[in-house]
Amino acid sequence: MSELRAVPGTVLAASPDLPDSSFSHAAIVVCEHAAEGAFGLVFNRPAGISLRQVFPEHPLLASSELTVYWGGPVGMDSAQFLHRVPELIHGGEELAHGVHLGGDFEELANLIHEDPDRASESVRMFVGYSGWADGQLDEELSSGSWLPAVLDPDVLFSEGEESAWRAVIRSVSGLDGLSHQPPDSSWN
């Protein structure tokens, strides 16, 4: 079995030459990478909807304007979240550097309802996720489609759509010049 190079908490920046246009300039945090496959969440693509549209019947979330992000093309009927407030949202799995996947949903709802400003700085909600079959992510990493980097929670929770990808690229030693690439390399 090959060594897994994208452990949970790793960030993957799409190579400027990635042929899949749906992932152009995407930044993904890896949530799981095992022999059976991998999954992660695109964290720099707002889905164009707010939380109230995802949970219209929830007593606390039905009025929330918190931005929801497109986690990827798989499981669009599922919602997940990342956060950096484990003292307020218990039960999540720490991916890296104080960033947690999931946790107590009612504690999440209470935070969003009671302190929307803090929630917008410390929570990312997602619909869908990005998935790879057995060996697929390893192959894509080997081919250079994805550029692995260390997770920076400040980039994850505060950078804009395009600037998050650029910040991840700049964090990879020797690749700073790629951060100026346009979404389509034929524009050069």
N, C-alpha and C. Protein backbone atom coordinates (compact mmCIF):
# COMPACT_ATOMS: atom_id res chain seq x y z
N MET A 1 0.85 -1.18 0.00
CA MET A 1 0.00 0.00 0.00
C MET A 1 0.88 1.23 0.00
N SER A 2 0.52 2.23 -0.82
CA SER A 2 1.32 3.46 -0.88
C SER A 2 1.07 4.32 0.35
N GLU A 3 2.06 5.15 0.65
CA GLU A 3 1.95 6.05 1.79
C GLU A 3 0.91 7.12 1.50
N LEU A 4 0.03 7.38 2.47
CA LEU A 4 -0.97 8.41 2.30
C LEU A 4 -0.33 9.76 2.56
N ARG A 5 -0.39 10.65 1.58
CA ARG A 5 0.27 11.94 1.70
C ARG A 5 -0.67 13.07 2.08
N ALA A 6 -1.95 12.83 2.11
CA ALA A 6 -2.92 13.87 2.45
C ALA A 6 -3.72 13.40 3.66
N VAL A 7 -3.12 13.54 4.82
CA VAL A 7 -3.78 13.12 6.06
C VAL A 7 -4.90 14.10 6.39
N PRO A 8 -5.86 13.70 7.23
CA PRO A 8 -6.91 14.63 7.63
C PRO A 8 -6.31 15.93 8.16
N GLY A 9 -6.89 17.03 7.71
CA GLY A 9 -6.39 18.35 8.08
C GLY A 9 -5.48 18.97 7.04
N THR A 10 -5.02 18.18 6.07
CA THR A 10 -4.23 18.71 4.97
C THR A 10 -5.14 19.55 4.08
N VAL A 11 -4.59 20.60 3.52
CA VAL A 11 -5.33 21.40 2.55
C VAL A 11 -4.81 21.03 1.16
N LEU A 12 -5.71 20.90 0.22
CA LEU A 12 -5.35 20.64 -1.17
C LEU A 12 -5.76 21.84 -2.00
N ALA A 13 -4.80 22.43 -2.68
CA ALA A 13 -5.10 23.52 -3.61
C ALA A 13 -5.08 22.93 -5.01
N ALA A 14 -6.10 23.23 -5.77
CA ALA A 14 -6.15 22.73 -7.15
C ALA A 14 -5.01 23.33 -7.95
N SER A 15 -4.31 22.49 -8.67
CA SER A 15 -3.27 22.98 -9.56
C SER A 15 -3.92 23.88 -10.62
N PRO A 16 -3.24 24.93 -11.04
CA PRO A 16 -3.82 25.77 -12.10
C PRO A 16 -4.14 24.98 -13.37
N ASP A 17 -3.48 23.84 -13.55
CA ASP A 17 -3.71 23.02 -14.74
C ASP A 17 -4.71 21.89 -14.53
N LEU A 18 -5.38 21.85 -13.37
CA LEU A 18 -6.35 20.79 -13.10
C LEU A 18 -7.41 20.79 -14.20
N PRO A 19 -7.60 19.66 -14.88
CA PRO A 19 -8.52 19.63 -16.02
C PRO A 19 -10.00 19.74 -15.65
N ASP A 20 -10.38 19.45 -14.42
CA ASP A 20 -11.78 19.49 -14.00
C ASP A 20 -12.17 20.92 -13.65
N SER A 21 -12.92 21.58 -14.53
CA SER A 21 -13.24 23.00 -14.34
C SER A 21 -14.09 23.25 -13.09
N SER A 22 -14.80 22.26 -12.60
CA SER A 22 -15.60 22.48 -11.39
C SER A 22 -14.72 22.66 -10.16
N PHE A 23 -13.44 22.29 -10.24
CA PHE A 23 -12.51 22.47 -9.13
C PHE A 23 -11.46 23.54 -9.41
N SER A 24 -11.65 24.35 -10.44
CA SER A 24 -10.70 25.41 -10.76
C SER A 24 -10.52 26.34 -9.56
N HIS A 25 -9.27 26.49 -9.14
CA HIS A 25 -8.90 27.34 -8.00
C HIS A 25 -9.61 26.95 -6.71
N ALA A 26 -9.93 25.67 -6.57
CA ALA A 26 -10.57 25.18 -5.35
C ALA A 26 -9.52 24.94 -4.26
N ALA A 27 -9.94 25.16 -3.03
CA ALA A 27 -9.13 24.83 -1.86
C ALA A 27 -9.98 23.87 -1.02
N ILE A 28 -9.43 22.68 -0.74
CA ILE A 28 -10.16 21.62 -0.06
C ILE A 28 -9.43 21.23 1.21
N VAL A 29 -10.16 21.06 2.30
CA VAL A 29 -9.57 20.49 3.50
C VAL A 29 -9.93 19.00 3.51
N VAL A 30 -8.91 18.16 3.66
CA VAL A 30 -9.12 16.70 3.68
C VAL A 30 -9.68 16.32 5.05
N CYS A 31 -10.79 15.60 5.02
CA CYS A 31 -11.43 15.15 6.27
C CYS A 31 -11.11 13.69 6.57
N GLU A 32 -10.91 12.90 5.53
CA GLU A 32 -10.56 11.49 5.70
C GLU A 32 -9.80 11.04 4.47
N HIS A 33 -8.76 10.23 4.69
CA HIS A 33 -8.00 9.64 3.59
C HIS A 33 -7.54 8.28 4.07
N ALA A 34 -8.17 7.25 3.54
CA ALA A 34 -7.89 5.88 3.95
C ALA A 34 -7.75 5.01 2.70
N ALA A 35 -7.46 3.76 2.92
CA ALA A 35 -7.28 2.83 1.79
C ALA A 35 -8.55 2.75 0.93
N GLU A 36 -9.72 2.91 1.56
CA GLU A 36 -10.98 2.79 0.81
C GLU A 36 -11.34 4.04 0.01
N GLY A 37 -10.65 5.14 0.26
CA GLY A 37 -10.95 6.37 -0.44
C GLY A 37 -10.74 7.58 0.45
N ALA A 38 -11.20 8.72 -0.02
CA ALA A 38 -10.99 9.97 0.72
C ALA A 38 -12.18 10.88 0.54
N PHE A 39 -12.34 11.80 1.51
CA PHE A 39 -13.32 12.86 1.31
C PHE A 39 -12.82 14.14 1.94
N GLY A 40 -13.27 15.24 1.37
CA GLY A 40 -12.89 16.56 1.85
C GLY A 40 -13.97 17.57 1.54
N LEU A 41 -13.72 18.81 1.96
CA LEU A 41 -14.70 19.88 1.78
C LEU A 41 -14.03 21.08 1.11
N VAL A 42 -14.59 21.52 -0.01
CA VAL A 42 -14.14 22.74 -0.66
C VAL A 42 -14.54 23.88 0.26
N PHE A 43 -13.58 24.67 0.71
CA PHE A 43 -13.92 25.71 1.68
C PHE A 43 -13.89 27.12 1.13
N ASN A 44 -13.68 27.27 -0.16
CA ASN A 44 -13.62 28.63 -0.70
C ASN A 44 -14.66 28.88 -1.80
N ARG A 45 -15.77 28.13 -1.76
CA ARG A 45 -16.84 28.32 -2.75
C ARG A 45 -18.19 28.52 -2.08
N PRO A 46 -18.62 29.77 -1.87
CA PRO A 46 -19.97 29.98 -1.35
C PRO A 46 -20.99 29.32 -2.28
N ALA A 47 -21.99 28.67 -1.69
CA ALA A 47 -23.00 27.96 -2.48
C ALA A 47 -24.09 28.90 -2.99
N GLY A 48 -24.07 30.16 -2.55
CA GLY A 48 -25.10 31.10 -3.00
C GLY A 48 -26.38 30.99 -2.20
N ILE A 49 -26.32 30.31 -1.07
CA ILE A 49 -27.49 30.17 -0.20
C ILE A 49 -27.08 30.43 1.24
N SER A 50 -28.06 30.71 2.07
CA SER A 50 -27.79 30.89 3.50
C SER A 50 -28.34 29.70 4.26
N LEU A 51 -28.00 29.64 5.52
CA LEU A 51 -28.39 28.51 6.36
C LEU A 51 -29.90 28.37 6.47
N ARG A 52 -30.62 29.47 6.44
CA ARG A 52 -32.09 29.41 6.55
C ARG A 52 -32.71 28.62 5.39
N GLN A 53 -32.04 28.61 4.25
CA GLN A 53 -32.55 27.86 3.11
C GLN A 53 -32.28 26.35 3.24
N VAL A 54 -31.26 26.00 4.00
CA VAL A 54 -30.93 24.60 4.20
C VAL A 54 -31.78 23.99 5.31
N PHE A 55 -32.06 24.79 6.34
CA PHE A 55 -32.83 24.32 7.49
C PHE A 55 -34.05 25.22 7.73
N PRO A 56 -34.99 25.28 6.78
CA PRO A 56 -36.12 26.21 6.91
C PRO A 56 -37.08 25.89 8.06
N GLU A 57 -37.05 24.68 8.56
CA GLU A 57 -37.96 24.28 9.64
C GLU A 57 -37.30 24.30 11.02
N HIS A 58 -36.01 24.53 11.08
CA HIS A 58 -35.31 24.50 12.37
C HIS A 58 -35.66 25.76 13.17
N PRO A 59 -36.01 25.63 14.44
CA PRO A 59 -36.45 26.79 15.23
C PRO A 59 -35.39 27.88 15.39
N LEU A 60 -34.12 27.55 15.36
CA LEU A 60 -33.08 28.56 15.51
C LEU A 60 -32.40 28.94 14.20
N LEU A 61 -32.35 28.03 13.26
CA LEU A 61 -31.61 28.27 12.02
C LEU A 61 -32.46 28.81 10.88
N ALA A 62 -33.78 28.76 11.01
CA ALA A 62 -34.68 29.18 9.94
C ALA A 62 -34.53 30.66 9.59
N SER A 63 -33.93 31.43 10.47
CA SER A 63 -33.74 32.86 10.19
C SER A 63 -32.26 33.22 9.99
N SER A 64 -31.37 32.25 9.99
CA SER A 64 -29.93 32.52 9.90
C SER A 64 -29.50 32.87 8.48
N GLU A 65 -28.71 33.92 8.38
CA GLU A 65 -28.14 34.35 7.10
C GLU A 65 -26.70 33.85 6.91
N LEU A 66 -26.24 32.96 7.79
CA LEU A 66 -24.88 32.43 7.67
C LEU A 66 -24.69 31.80 6.29
N THR A 67 -23.61 32.17 5.63
CA THR A 67 -23.31 31.66 4.30
C THR A 67 -23.03 30.16 4.35
N VAL A 68 -23.56 29.43 3.38
CA VAL A 68 -23.31 28.01 3.23
C VAL A 68 -22.35 27.84 2.05
N TYR A 69 -21.40 26.93 2.20
CA TYR A 69 -20.39 26.70 1.17
C TYR A 69 -20.65 25.39 0.44
N TRP A 70 -20.20 25.33 -0.81
CA TRP A 70 -20.29 24.14 -1.66
C TRP A 70 -19.11 23.25 -1.30
N GLY A 71 -19.37 22.15 -0.62
CA GLY A 71 -18.30 21.25 -0.21
C GLY A 71 -17.78 20.37 -1.32
N GLY A 72 -18.58 20.23 -2.37
CA GLY A 72 -18.20 19.39 -3.51
C GLY A 72 -19.44 18.81 -4.14
N PRO A 73 -19.25 18.08 -5.24
CA PRO A 73 -20.39 17.62 -6.03
C PRO A 73 -21.10 16.36 -5.52
N VAL A 74 -20.58 15.74 -4.47
CA VAL A 74 -21.16 14.49 -3.97
C VAL A 74 -22.06 14.78 -2.77
N GLY A 75 -23.16 14.06 -2.65
CA GLY A 75 -24.01 14.16 -1.47
C GLY A 75 -24.60 15.54 -1.26
N MET A 76 -25.15 16.12 -2.30
CA MET A 76 -25.69 17.47 -2.20
C MET A 76 -26.89 17.56 -1.26
N ASP A 77 -27.38 16.43 -0.79
CA ASP A 77 -28.48 16.43 0.17
C ASP A 77 -27.96 16.32 1.61
N SER A 78 -26.64 16.46 1.78
CA SER A 78 -26.06 16.37 3.12
C SER A 78 -25.45 17.71 3.52
N ALA A 79 -25.46 17.97 4.81
CA ALA A 79 -24.85 19.18 5.36
C ALA A 79 -23.81 18.78 6.39
N GLN A 80 -22.69 19.46 6.39
CA GLN A 80 -21.61 19.22 7.33
C GLN A 80 -21.06 20.56 7.77
N PHE A 81 -20.28 20.56 8.84
CA PHE A 81 -19.67 21.81 9.25
C PHE A 81 -18.29 21.61 9.85
N LEU A 82 -17.48 22.65 9.69
CA LEU A 82 -16.17 22.75 10.33
C LEU A 82 -16.26 23.91 11.31
N HIS A 83 -15.50 23.82 12.40
CA HIS A 83 -15.51 24.93 13.35
C HIS A 83 -14.20 24.96 14.13
N ARG A 84 -13.99 26.07 14.82
CA ARG A 84 -12.81 26.19 15.67
C ARG A 84 -13.18 26.66 17.08
N VAL A 85 -14.34 26.20 17.54
CA VAL A 85 -14.80 26.54 18.90
C VAL A 85 -15.23 25.26 19.64
N PRO A 86 -14.29 24.35 19.90
CA PRO A 86 -14.66 23.10 20.57
C PRO A 86 -15.17 23.31 21.99
N GLU A 87 -14.87 24.45 22.58
CA GLU A 87 -15.38 24.73 23.91
C GLU A 87 -16.87 25.07 23.88
N LEU A 88 -17.41 25.40 22.70
CA LEU A 88 -18.83 25.71 22.54
C LEU A 88 -19.59 24.62 21.80
N ILE A 89 -18.90 23.90 20.92
CA ILE A 89 -19.52 22.83 20.14
C ILE A 89 -18.74 21.55 20.43
N HIS A 90 -19.32 20.70 21.25
CA HIS A 90 -18.64 19.48 21.71
C HIS A 90 -18.86 18.32 20.73
N GLY A 91 -17.97 17.35 20.80
CA GLY A 91 -18.16 16.11 20.07
C GLY A 91 -17.60 16.07 18.67
N GLY A 92 -16.97 17.13 18.21
CA GLY A 92 -16.39 17.11 16.87
C GLY A 92 -15.07 16.36 16.84
N GLU A 93 -14.60 16.06 15.65
CA GLU A 93 -13.32 15.39 15.46
C GLU A 93 -12.29 16.43 15.04
N GLU A 94 -11.21 16.55 15.81
CA GLU A 94 -10.18 17.53 15.45
C GLU A 94 -9.41 17.04 14.23
N LEU A 95 -9.40 17.85 13.19
CA LEU A 95 -8.66 17.52 11.98
C LEU A 95 -7.21 17.97 12.10
N ALA A 96 -7.01 19.22 12.54
CA ALA A 96 -5.68 19.79 12.71
C ALA A 96 -5.79 21.21 13.22
N HIS A 97 -4.80 21.64 13.98
CA HIS A 97 -4.68 23.04 14.39
C HIS A 97 -5.95 23.63 14.99
N GLY A 98 -6.69 22.85 15.77
CA GLY A 98 -7.89 23.38 16.40
C GLY A 98 -9.10 23.44 15.49
N VAL A 99 -9.03 22.87 14.31
CA VAL A 99 -10.17 22.83 13.39
C VAL A 99 -10.87 21.50 13.57
N HIS A 100 -12.17 21.56 13.81
CA HIS A 100 -12.96 20.36 14.11
C HIS A 100 -14.02 20.13 13.04
N LEU A 101 -14.25 18.86 12.75
CA LEU A 101 -15.30 18.44 11.83
C LEU A 101 -16.48 17.97 12.65
N GLY A 102 -17.64 18.60 12.45
CA GLY A 102 -18.86 18.19 13.12
C GLY A 102 -18.87 18.48 14.59
N GLY A 103 -19.86 17.89 15.25
CA GLY A 103 -20.05 18.09 16.68
C GLY A 103 -21.53 18.16 16.98
N ASP A 104 -21.85 18.58 18.19
CA ASP A 104 -23.24 18.65 18.63
C ASP A 104 -24.00 19.70 17.83
N PHE A 105 -25.01 19.24 17.07
CA PHE A 105 -25.74 20.13 16.17
C PHE A 105 -26.54 21.20 16.91
N GLU A 106 -27.12 20.86 18.04
CA GLU A 106 -27.90 21.86 18.79
C GLU A 106 -27.00 22.92 19.40
N GLU A 107 -25.79 22.54 19.82
CA GLU A 107 -24.83 23.54 20.30
C GLU A 107 -24.42 24.47 19.16
N LEU A 108 -24.25 23.90 17.97
CA LEU A 108 -23.97 24.71 16.77
C LEU A 108 -25.10 25.70 16.53
N ALA A 109 -26.33 25.21 16.53
CA ALA A 109 -27.49 26.07 16.28
C ALA A 109 -27.58 27.18 17.32
N ASN A 110 -27.32 26.87 18.58
CA ASN A 110 -27.35 27.88 19.63
C ASN A 110 -26.30 28.96 19.38
N LEU A 111 -25.08 28.57 19.01
CA LEU A 111 -24.03 29.55 18.72
C LEU A 111 -24.45 30.46 17.57
N ILE A 112 -24.93 29.87 16.50
CA ILE A 112 -25.32 30.66 15.33
C ILE A 112 -26.44 31.62 15.68
N HIS A 113 -27.39 31.18 16.46
CA HIS A 113 -28.53 32.02 16.85
C HIS A 113 -28.12 33.12 17.85
N GLU A 114 -27.33 32.76 18.86
CA GLU A 114 -27.00 33.69 19.93
C GLU A 114 -25.86 34.64 19.59
N ASP A 115 -24.93 34.21 18.75
CA ASP A 115 -23.77 35.05 18.43
C ASP A 115 -23.39 34.88 16.96
N PRO A 116 -24.23 35.42 16.05
CA PRO A 116 -23.97 35.22 14.62
C PRO A 116 -22.62 35.76 14.15
N ASP A 117 -22.12 36.84 14.78
CA ASP A 117 -20.81 37.36 14.38
C ASP A 117 -19.69 36.37 14.70
N ARG A 118 -19.73 35.81 15.89
CA ARG A 118 -18.71 34.81 16.25
C ARG A 118 -18.85 33.58 15.36
N ALA A 119 -20.08 33.17 15.09
CA ALA A 119 -20.30 32.01 14.22
C ALA A 119 -19.71 32.25 12.83
N SER A 120 -19.89 33.46 12.29
CA SER A 120 -19.38 33.72 10.94
C SER A 120 -17.85 33.69 10.89
N GLU A 121 -17.19 33.90 12.03
CA GLU A 121 -15.73 33.86 12.10
C GLU A 121 -15.18 32.49 12.48
N SER A 122 -16.04 31.59 12.96
CA SER A 122 -15.52 30.33 13.49
C SER A 122 -16.25 29.08 13.01
N VAL A 123 -17.20 29.23 12.10
CA VAL A 123 -17.96 28.08 11.59
C VAL A 123 -18.05 28.18 10.08
N ARG A 124 -17.90 27.05 9.40
CA ARG A 124 -18.18 26.95 7.96
C ARG A 124 -19.18 25.81 7.78
N MET A 125 -20.31 26.14 7.18
CA MET A 125 -21.34 25.14 6.86
C MET A 125 -21.20 24.75 5.39
N PHE A 126 -21.46 23.48 5.10
CA PHE A 126 -21.30 22.97 3.73
C PHE A 126 -22.49 22.13 3.31
N VAL A 127 -22.81 22.21 2.03
CA VAL A 127 -23.68 21.21 1.40
C VAL A 127 -22.78 20.45 0.43
N GLY A 128 -22.92 19.15 0.42
CA GLY A 128 -22.11 18.31 -0.44
C GLY A 128 -20.69 18.16 0.07
N TYR A 129 -19.95 17.29 -0.61
CA TYR A 129 -18.55 17.06 -0.28
C TYR A 129 -17.82 16.57 -1.51
N SER A 130 -16.51 16.52 -1.42
CA SER A 130 -15.66 16.02 -2.50
C SER A 130 -15.19 14.63 -2.11
N GLY A 131 -15.31 13.68 -3.01
CA GLY A 131 -14.94 12.31 -2.69
C GLY A 131 -14.03 11.70 -3.74
N TRP A 132 -13.19 10.79 -3.29
CA TRP A 132 -12.28 10.07 -4.17
C TRP A 132 -12.39 8.58 -3.87
N ALA A 133 -12.37 7.76 -4.89
CA ALA A 133 -12.41 6.30 -4.75
C ALA A 133 -11.04 5.80 -4.28
N ASP A 134 -10.97 4.53 -3.95
CA ASP A 134 -9.74 3.87 -3.52
C ASP A 134 -8.59 4.21 -4.47
N GLY A 135 -7.55 4.84 -3.95
CA GLY A 135 -6.35 5.15 -4.73
C GLY A 135 -6.45 6.38 -5.62
N GLN A 136 -7.65 6.91 -5.82
CA GLN A 136 -7.83 8.02 -6.74
C GLN A 136 -7.10 9.29 -6.28
N LEU A 137 -7.22 9.65 -5.01
CA LEU A 137 -6.55 10.85 -4.53
C LEU A 137 -5.03 10.70 -4.61
N ASP A 138 -4.52 9.52 -4.25
CA ASP A 138 -3.07 9.28 -4.36
C ASP A 138 -2.60 9.49 -5.79
N GLU A 139 -3.37 8.99 -6.74
CA GLU A 139 -3.03 9.15 -8.16
C GLU A 139 -3.05 10.61 -8.57
N GLU A 140 -4.09 11.35 -8.12
CA GLU A 140 -4.20 12.76 -8.48
C GLU A 140 -3.09 13.59 -7.82
N LEU A 141 -2.69 13.22 -6.60
CA LEU A 141 -1.56 13.89 -5.96
C LEU A 141 -0.27 13.63 -6.73
N SER A 142 -0.06 12.38 -7.13
CA SER A 142 1.16 12.02 -7.88
C SER A 142 1.24 12.73 -9.22
N SER A 143 0.10 12.96 -9.84
CA SER A 143 0.08 13.62 -11.15
C SER A 143 0.19 15.14 -11.03
N GLY A 144 0.12 15.66 -9.81
CA GLY A 144 0.24 17.11 -9.62
C GLY A 144 -1.07 17.87 -9.73
N SER A 145 -2.19 17.15 -9.78
CA SER A 145 -3.49 17.83 -9.88
C SER A 145 -3.81 18.63 -8.62
N TRP A 146 -3.34 18.14 -7.48
CA TRP A 146 -3.57 18.80 -6.19
C TRP A 146 -2.24 19.10 -5.53
N LEU A 147 -2.15 20.27 -4.92
CA LEU A 147 -0.94 20.69 -4.24
C LEU A 147 -1.22 20.70 -2.74
N PRO A 148 -0.66 19.75 -1.98
CA PRO A 148 -0.94 19.67 -0.54
C PRO A 148 -0.22 20.77 0.24
N ALA A 149 -0.90 21.27 1.26
CA ALA A 149 -0.34 22.32 2.11
C ALA A 149 -0.81 22.12 3.54
N VAL A 150 -0.17 22.82 4.45
CA VAL A 150 -0.55 22.78 5.85
C VAL A 150 -1.77 23.68 6.06
N LEU A 151 -2.70 23.21 6.85
CA LEU A 151 -3.92 23.97 7.14
C LEU A 151 -3.61 25.21 7.97
N ASP A 152 -4.09 26.35 7.51
CA ASP A 152 -4.03 27.60 8.27
C ASP A 152 -5.47 27.96 8.61
N PRO A 153 -5.88 27.83 9.87
CA PRO A 153 -7.27 28.11 10.24
C PRO A 153 -7.73 29.51 9.85
N ASP A 154 -6.83 30.49 9.87
CA ASP A 154 -7.23 31.84 9.48
C ASP A 154 -7.62 31.91 8.01
N VAL A 155 -6.93 31.17 7.17
CA VAL A 155 -7.29 31.11 5.75
C VAL A 155 -8.62 30.38 5.59
N LEU A 156 -8.77 29.28 6.30
CA LEU A 156 -9.99 28.48 6.21
C LEU A 156 -11.23 29.29 6.58
N PHE A 157 -11.14 30.08 7.64
CA PHE A 157 -12.33 30.75 8.15
C PHE A 157 -12.49 32.21 7.73
N SER A 158 -11.47 32.81 7.13
CA SER A 158 -11.64 34.24 6.88
C SER A 158 -11.31 34.73 5.49
N GLU A 159 -10.62 33.97 4.71
CA GLU A 159 -10.23 34.45 3.38
C GLU A 159 -11.40 34.37 2.41
N GLY A 160 -11.38 35.24 1.41
CA GLY A 160 -12.39 35.22 0.36
C GLY A 160 -12.17 34.06 -0.59
N GLU A 161 -13.09 33.92 -1.51
CA GLU A 161 -13.10 32.77 -2.43
C GLU A 161 -11.77 32.60 -3.17
N GLU A 162 -11.35 33.60 -3.91
CA GLU A 162 -10.12 33.49 -4.70
C GLU A 162 -8.89 33.65 -3.83
N SER A 163 -8.95 34.53 -2.83
CA SER A 163 -7.77 34.78 -2.01
C SER A 163 -7.40 33.57 -1.15
N ALA A 164 -8.36 32.73 -0.79
CA ALA A 164 -8.04 31.51 -0.03
C ALA A 164 -7.16 30.58 -0.86
N TRP A 165 -7.51 30.37 -2.11
CA TRP A 165 -6.71 29.51 -2.98
C TRP A 165 -5.30 30.08 -3.12
N ARG A 166 -5.22 31.38 -3.35
CA ARG A 166 -3.91 32.02 -3.52
C ARG A 166 -3.08 31.92 -2.23
N ALA A 167 -3.70 32.09 -1.08
CA ALA A 167 -2.98 31.99 0.19
C ALA A 167 -2.44 30.58 0.39
N VAL A 168 -3.21 29.56 0.02
CA VAL A 168 -2.75 28.17 0.15
C VAL A 168 -1.57 27.93 -0.78
N ILE A 169 -1.67 28.38 -2.02
CA ILE A 169 -0.57 28.20 -2.98
C ILE A 169 0.70 28.90 -2.47
N ARG A 170 0.56 30.12 -1.96
CA ARG A 170 1.72 30.86 -1.45
C ARG A 170 2.37 30.14 -0.26
N SER A 171 1.60 29.33 0.47
CA SER A 171 2.15 28.64 1.63
C SER A 171 2.99 27.42 1.26
N VAL A 172 2.91 26.97 0.02
CA VAL A 172 3.68 25.81 -0.44
C VAL A 172 5.04 26.29 -0.93
N SER A 173 6.08 25.83 -0.30
CA SER A 173 7.44 26.27 -0.62
C SER A 173 7.74 26.09 -2.11
N GLY A 174 8.20 27.17 -2.72
CA GLY A 174 8.61 27.13 -4.12
C GLY A 174 7.49 27.32 -5.12
N LEU A 175 6.25 27.48 -4.67
CA LEU A 175 5.14 27.61 -5.62
C LEU A 175 4.48 28.98 -5.61
N ASP A 176 5.09 29.95 -4.95
CA ASP A 176 4.47 31.28 -4.82
C ASP A 176 4.09 31.87 -6.18
N GLY A 177 4.89 31.65 -7.20
CA GLY A 177 4.59 32.19 -8.52
C GLY A 177 3.28 31.69 -9.10
N LEU A 178 2.86 30.49 -8.71
CA LEU A 178 1.60 29.94 -9.21
C LEU A 178 0.39 30.70 -8.68
N SER A 179 0.56 31.40 -7.55
CA SER A 179 -0.60 32.07 -6.95
C SER A 179 -1.12 33.20 -7.82
N HIS A 180 -0.35 33.61 -8.81
CA HIS A 180 -0.79 34.68 -9.70
C HIS A 180 -1.45 34.15 -10.97
N GLN A 181 -1.56 32.83 -11.07
CA GLN A 181 -2.17 32.20 -12.25
C GLN A 181 -3.67 32.53 -12.31
N PRO A 182 -4.18 32.84 -13.49
CA PRO A 182 -5.63 33.02 -13.62
C PRO A 182 -6.32 31.66 -13.57
N PRO A 183 -7.66 31.65 -13.38
CA PRO A 183 -8.36 30.37 -13.32
C PRO A 183 -8.16 29.48 -14.54
N ASP A 184 -7.92 30.04 -15.69
CA ASP A 184 -7.68 29.25 -16.90
C ASP A 184 -6.29 29.62 -17.40
N SER A 185 -5.35 28.66 -17.39
CA SER A 185 -3.96 28.97 -17.76
C SER A 185 -3.84 29.42 -19.21
N SER A 186 -4.85 29.20 -20.05
CA SER A 186 -4.78 29.68 -21.43
C SER A 186 -4.92 31.19 -21.51
N TRP A 187 -5.32 31.84 -20.37
CA TRP A 187 -5.42 33.30 -20.35
C TRP A 187 -4.04 33.95 -20.32
N ASN A 188 -2.99 33.17 -20.00
CA ASN A 188 -1.63 33.74 -19.92
C ASN A 188 -1.12 34.12 -21.27
